[in-house]
Amino acid sequence: MATIMIPTPLRKFTEQRSTLEAASITVKSAIDQLIHLYPSLQHHLLDKDDQIRSFVRIFVGDTDYAELDGPDTAVDDQTVISIVPAIAGGIPDLDLSSDHADR
């Protein structure tokens, strides 16, 4: 079974689980299994076309699955799948004077 690593920001949707063992043969089927068990993850991982959202990265081992066969990337019992969501942050645009902006 492939191991899916669930990042901290998404654990509130998985009853605080940090990993899931998925009986799957592809990355897509592993993600589908995760969403089947935790349906509230769907909105966070998939877009309206049921594709991985553009700001979510999926790694198979140390390699972005986009560099492999994407969702069709084969997995086995030794595979570790990591979900890496983008983290937004910073401050909103502020109307600063040039003196303040230079600081």
N, C-alpha and C. Protein backbone atom coordinates (compact mmCIF):
# COMPACT_ATOMS: atom_id res chain seq x y z
N MET A 1 0.83 -1.18 0.00
CA MET A 1 0.00 0.00 0.00
C MET A 1 0.87 1.24 0.00
N ALA A 2 0.53 2.19 -0.84
CA ALA A 2 1.23 3.46 -0.88
C ALA A 2 0.88 4.26 0.37
N THR A 3 1.82 5.06 0.84
CA THR A 3 1.59 5.92 1.99
C THR A 3 1.39 7.35 1.50
N ILE A 4 0.27 7.95 1.90
CA ILE A 4 0.00 9.34 1.58
C ILE A 4 0.33 10.17 2.82
N MET A 5 1.21 11.15 2.65
CA MET A 5 1.57 12.06 3.73
C MET A 5 0.61 13.25 3.68
N ILE A 6 -0.08 13.49 4.77
CA ILE A 6 -1.07 14.56 4.83
C ILE A 6 -0.45 15.74 5.57
N PRO A 7 -0.37 16.90 4.91
CA PRO A 7 0.27 18.05 5.54
C PRO A 7 -0.58 18.62 6.69
N THR A 8 0.08 19.25 7.61
CA THR A 8 -0.58 19.79 8.80
C THR A 8 -1.82 20.63 8.49
N PRO A 9 -1.79 21.56 7.50
CA PRO A 9 -2.99 22.37 7.27
C PRO A 9 -4.22 21.57 6.86
N LEU A 10 -4.03 20.37 6.33
CA LEU A 10 -5.16 19.56 5.89
C LEU A 10 -5.61 18.51 6.91
N ARG A 11 -4.87 18.37 7.98
CA ARG A 11 -5.19 17.33 8.96
C ARG A 11 -6.49 17.59 9.70
N LYS A 12 -6.93 18.83 9.74
CA LYS A 12 -8.23 19.10 10.40
C LYS A 12 -9.37 18.44 9.64
N PHE A 13 -9.12 18.05 8.37
CA PHE A 13 -10.13 17.37 7.57
C PHE A 13 -9.97 15.85 7.60
N THR A 14 -8.91 15.36 8.25
CA THR A 14 -8.63 13.92 8.29
C THR A 14 -8.57 13.39 9.72
N GLU A 15 -9.30 14.05 10.61
CA GLU A 15 -9.30 13.63 12.01
C GLU A 15 -7.88 13.62 12.59
N GLN A 16 -7.08 14.57 12.13
CA GLN A 16 -5.69 14.76 12.57
C GLN A 16 -4.74 13.65 12.13
N ARG A 17 -5.15 12.84 11.19
CA ARG A 17 -4.25 11.80 10.68
C ARG A 17 -3.15 12.45 9.84
N SER A 18 -1.94 11.99 10.02
CA SER A 18 -0.81 12.52 9.26
C SER A 18 -0.45 11.65 8.06
N THR A 19 -0.94 10.41 8.06
CA THR A 19 -0.68 9.51 6.94
C THR A 19 -1.92 8.66 6.67
N LEU A 20 -1.94 8.12 5.47
CA LEU A 20 -2.99 7.16 5.09
C LEU A 20 -2.34 6.11 4.22
N GLU A 21 -2.62 4.86 4.51
CA GLU A 21 -2.16 3.76 3.66
C GLU A 21 -3.24 3.54 2.60
N ALA A 22 -2.87 3.69 1.34
CA ALA A 22 -3.84 3.58 0.25
C ALA A 22 -3.55 2.35 -0.59
N ALA A 23 -4.54 1.51 -0.74
CA ALA A 23 -4.43 0.33 -1.60
C ALA A 23 -4.74 0.78 -3.03
N SER A 24 -3.73 1.29 -3.70
CA SER A 24 -3.92 1.90 -5.02
C SER A 24 -2.78 1.53 -5.95
N ILE A 25 -3.05 1.70 -7.24
CA ILE A 25 -1.99 1.43 -8.22
C ILE A 25 -1.52 2.69 -8.94
N THR A 26 -2.24 3.80 -8.75
CA THR A 26 -1.82 5.08 -9.33
C THR A 26 -1.99 6.19 -8.30
N VAL A 27 -1.35 7.31 -8.56
CA VAL A 27 -1.52 8.47 -7.69
C VAL A 27 -2.99 8.89 -7.66
N LYS A 28 -3.64 8.92 -8.82
CA LYS A 28 -5.04 9.34 -8.88
C LYS A 28 -5.92 8.45 -8.01
N SER A 29 -5.74 7.15 -8.10
CA SER A 29 -6.58 6.27 -7.29
C SER A 29 -6.28 6.43 -5.80
N ALA A 30 -5.04 6.74 -5.43
CA ALA A 30 -4.70 6.98 -4.03
C ALA A 30 -5.38 8.26 -3.53
N ILE A 31 -5.33 9.33 -4.33
CA ILE A 31 -5.98 10.59 -3.95
C ILE A 31 -7.49 10.39 -3.88
N ASP A 32 -8.03 9.64 -4.85
CA ASP A 32 -9.48 9.35 -4.83
C ASP A 32 -9.87 8.60 -3.56
N GLN A 33 -9.03 7.66 -3.13
CA GLN A 33 -9.31 6.92 -1.90
C GLN A 33 -9.28 7.85 -0.69
N LEU A 34 -8.31 8.75 -0.66
CA LEU A 34 -8.22 9.71 0.43
C LEU A 34 -9.48 10.58 0.49
N ILE A 35 -9.93 11.06 -0.66
CA ILE A 35 -11.12 11.91 -0.71
C ILE A 35 -12.38 11.11 -0.39
N HIS A 36 -12.42 9.85 -0.77
CA HIS A 36 -13.56 9.01 -0.42
C HIS A 36 -13.69 8.88 1.10
N LEU A 37 -12.55 8.71 1.78
CA LEU A 37 -12.56 8.58 3.24
C LEU A 37 -12.83 9.91 3.94
N TYR A 38 -12.36 11.01 3.31
CA TYR A 38 -12.48 12.34 3.90
C TYR A 38 -13.01 13.31 2.83
N PRO A 39 -14.32 13.28 2.57
CA PRO A 39 -14.91 14.06 1.48
C PRO A 39 -14.66 15.57 1.55
N SER A 40 -14.47 16.11 2.74
CA SER A 40 -14.24 17.55 2.84
C SER A 40 -12.90 17.97 2.23
N LEU A 41 -12.03 17.02 1.96
CA LEU A 41 -10.76 17.34 1.28
C LEU A 41 -10.95 17.67 -0.19
N GLN A 42 -12.04 17.22 -0.78
CA GLN A 42 -12.23 17.40 -2.22
C GLN A 42 -12.07 18.86 -2.63
N HIS A 43 -12.73 19.75 -1.92
CA HIS A 43 -12.67 21.17 -2.25
C HIS A 43 -11.24 21.72 -2.13
N HIS A 44 -10.47 21.18 -1.24
CA HIS A 44 -9.10 21.67 -1.02
C HIS A 44 -8.09 21.09 -1.99
N LEU A 45 -8.39 19.92 -2.55
CA LEU A 45 -7.43 19.26 -3.44
C LEU A 45 -7.82 19.30 -4.91
N LEU A 46 -9.12 19.27 -5.20
CA LEU A 46 -9.57 19.14 -6.59
C LEU A 46 -10.32 20.39 -7.06
N ASP A 47 -10.16 20.69 -8.35
CA ASP A 47 -10.90 21.80 -8.93
C ASP A 47 -12.27 21.31 -9.41
N LYS A 48 -13.01 22.16 -10.10
CA LYS A 48 -14.37 21.79 -10.55
C LYS A 48 -14.37 20.66 -11.57
N ASP A 49 -13.22 20.42 -12.21
CA ASP A 49 -13.09 19.33 -13.19
C ASP A 49 -12.49 18.07 -12.57
N ASP A 50 -12.44 18.04 -11.24
CA ASP A 50 -11.86 16.92 -10.49
C ASP A 50 -10.39 16.67 -10.80
N GLN A 51 -9.68 17.75 -11.12
CA GLN A 51 -8.24 17.69 -11.32
C GLN A 51 -7.57 18.32 -10.10
N ILE A 52 -6.34 17.88 -9.81
CA ILE A 52 -5.60 18.48 -8.70
C ILE A 52 -5.49 19.99 -8.94
N ARG A 53 -5.82 20.77 -7.93
CA ARG A 53 -5.76 22.22 -8.04
C ARG A 53 -4.35 22.67 -8.40
N SER A 54 -4.26 23.77 -9.13
CA SER A 54 -2.97 24.25 -9.63
C SER A 54 -2.02 24.64 -8.50
N PHE A 55 -2.54 25.00 -7.34
CA PHE A 55 -1.67 25.41 -6.24
C PHE A 55 -1.31 24.27 -5.30
N VAL A 56 -1.73 23.05 -5.63
CA VAL A 56 -1.39 21.87 -4.83
C VAL A 56 -0.36 21.06 -5.61
N ARG A 57 0.73 20.72 -4.97
CA ARG A 57 1.75 19.88 -5.58
C ARG A 57 1.68 18.49 -4.97
N ILE A 58 1.85 17.51 -5.82
CA ILE A 58 1.88 16.12 -5.39
C ILE A 58 3.26 15.57 -5.73
N PHE A 59 3.91 15.00 -4.74
CA PHE A 59 5.22 14.41 -4.94
C PHE A 59 5.14 12.91 -4.73
N VAL A 60 5.83 12.20 -5.59
CA VAL A 60 6.00 10.75 -5.47
C VAL A 60 7.47 10.58 -5.12
N GLY A 61 7.71 10.21 -3.87
CA GLY A 61 9.08 10.26 -3.39
C GLY A 61 9.51 11.71 -3.36
N ASP A 62 10.62 12.02 -4.02
CA ASP A 62 11.12 13.39 -4.07
C ASP A 62 10.81 14.09 -5.39
N THR A 63 10.00 13.47 -6.24
CA THR A 63 9.75 13.99 -7.58
C THR A 63 8.31 14.45 -7.74
N ASP A 64 8.15 15.67 -8.27
CA ASP A 64 6.82 16.18 -8.56
C ASP A 64 6.17 15.25 -9.58
N TYR A 65 4.96 14.81 -9.30
CA TYR A 65 4.33 13.83 -10.18
C TYR A 65 4.10 14.38 -11.58
N ALA A 66 4.10 15.70 -11.74
CA ALA A 66 3.97 16.30 -13.07
C ALA A 66 5.17 15.95 -13.94
N GLU A 67 6.31 15.67 -13.32
CA GLU A 67 7.51 15.27 -14.06
C GLU A 67 7.49 13.78 -14.38
N LEU A 68 6.54 13.07 -13.83
CA LEU A 68 6.41 11.63 -14.08
C LEU A 68 5.22 11.44 -15.02
N ASP A 69 4.26 10.63 -14.65
CA ASP A 69 3.07 10.42 -15.47
C ASP A 69 1.85 11.10 -14.89
N GLY A 70 2.06 12.17 -14.11
CA GLY A 70 0.95 12.90 -13.53
C GLY A 70 0.07 11.98 -12.69
N PRO A 71 -1.25 12.12 -12.80
CA PRO A 71 -2.15 11.30 -12.00
C PRO A 71 -2.04 9.81 -12.29
N ASP A 72 -1.53 9.47 -13.46
CA ASP A 72 -1.38 8.06 -13.84
C ASP A 72 -0.07 7.44 -13.37
N THR A 73 0.71 8.19 -12.60
CA THR A 73 1.97 7.67 -12.07
C THR A 73 1.69 6.43 -11.22
N ALA A 74 2.38 5.35 -11.53
CA ALA A 74 2.20 4.09 -10.81
C ALA A 74 2.77 4.20 -9.40
N VAL A 75 2.09 3.55 -8.47
CA VAL A 75 2.57 3.46 -7.09
C VAL A 75 2.57 2.01 -6.65
N ASP A 76 3.38 1.72 -5.63
CA ASP A 76 3.43 0.37 -5.07
C ASP A 76 3.53 0.48 -3.56
N ASP A 77 3.83 -0.62 -2.92
CA ASP A 77 3.86 -0.66 -1.46
C ASP A 77 4.94 0.23 -0.85
N GLN A 78 5.96 0.55 -1.61
CA GLN A 78 7.07 1.37 -1.10
C GLN A 78 6.91 2.85 -1.40
N THR A 79 5.87 3.21 -2.14
CA THR A 79 5.70 4.59 -2.59
C THR A 79 5.20 5.49 -1.47
N VAL A 80 5.82 6.67 -1.39
CA VAL A 80 5.35 7.71 -0.48
C VAL A 80 4.86 8.87 -1.34
N ILE A 81 3.59 9.22 -1.15
CA ILE A 81 2.96 10.33 -1.87
C ILE A 81 2.81 11.48 -0.88
N SER A 82 3.35 12.64 -1.25
CA SER A 82 3.25 13.81 -0.38
C SER A 82 2.38 14.87 -1.04
N ILE A 83 1.48 15.43 -0.28
CA ILE A 83 0.63 16.52 -0.73
C ILE A 83 1.22 17.81 -0.18
N VAL A 84 1.49 18.77 -1.07
CA VAL A 84 2.09 20.03 -0.64
C VAL A 84 1.21 21.18 -1.14
N PRO A 85 0.32 21.69 -0.27
CA PRO A 85 -0.50 22.83 -0.68
C PRO A 85 0.30 24.13 -0.58
N ALA A 86 -0.04 25.08 -1.43
CA ALA A 86 0.60 26.38 -1.35
C ALA A 86 0.16 27.05 -0.06
N ILE A 87 1.05 27.82 0.51
CA ILE A 87 0.73 28.56 1.72
C ILE A 87 0.68 30.04 1.35
N ALA A 88 -0.48 30.64 1.52
CA ALA A 88 -0.63 32.06 1.21
C ALA A 88 -0.24 32.86 2.44
N GLY A 89 0.17 34.07 2.20
CA GLY A 89 0.51 34.91 3.34
C GLY A 89 0.93 36.28 2.87
N GLY A 90 1.58 36.98 3.75
CA GLY A 90 2.00 38.33 3.43
C GLY A 90 0.97 39.33 3.91
N ILE A 91 1.12 40.54 3.44
CA ILE A 91 0.19 41.60 3.81
C ILE A 91 -0.48 42.12 2.56
N PRO A 92 -1.66 42.66 2.70
CA PRO A 92 -2.33 43.22 1.53
C PRO A 92 -1.59 44.45 1.03
N ASP A 93 -1.86 44.82 -0.21
CA ASP A 93 -1.26 46.04 -0.75
C ASP A 93 -1.71 47.22 0.10
N LEU A 94 -0.77 48.01 0.50
CA LEU A 94 -1.06 49.19 1.30
C LEU A 94 -0.72 50.42 0.50
N ASP A 95 -1.45 51.48 0.73
CA ASP A 95 -1.15 52.74 0.08
C ASP A 95 -0.14 53.48 0.95
N LEU A 96 1.14 53.25 0.66
CA LEU A 96 2.20 53.84 1.47
C LEU A 96 2.82 55.03 0.77
N SER A 97 3.24 55.99 1.55
CA SER A 97 4.01 57.10 0.98
C SER A 97 5.35 56.55 0.54
N SER A 98 6.04 57.25 -0.32
CA SER A 98 7.34 56.77 -0.82
C SER A 98 8.33 56.61 0.32
N ASP A 99 8.25 57.47 1.37
CA ASP A 99 9.14 57.34 2.51
C ASP A 99 8.91 56.03 3.24
N HIS A 100 7.64 55.69 3.45
CA HIS A 100 7.32 54.44 4.12
C HIS A 100 7.68 53.23 3.27
N ALA A 101 7.43 53.30 1.99
CA ALA A 101 7.74 52.19 1.10
C ALA A 101 9.22 51.91 1.04
N ASP A 102 10.04 52.97 1.12
CA ASP A 102 11.50 52.79 1.06
C ASP A 102 12.04 52.07 2.30
N ARG A 103 11.33 52.17 3.40
CA ARG A 103 11.81 51.52 4.63
C ARG A 103 11.62 50.06 4.49
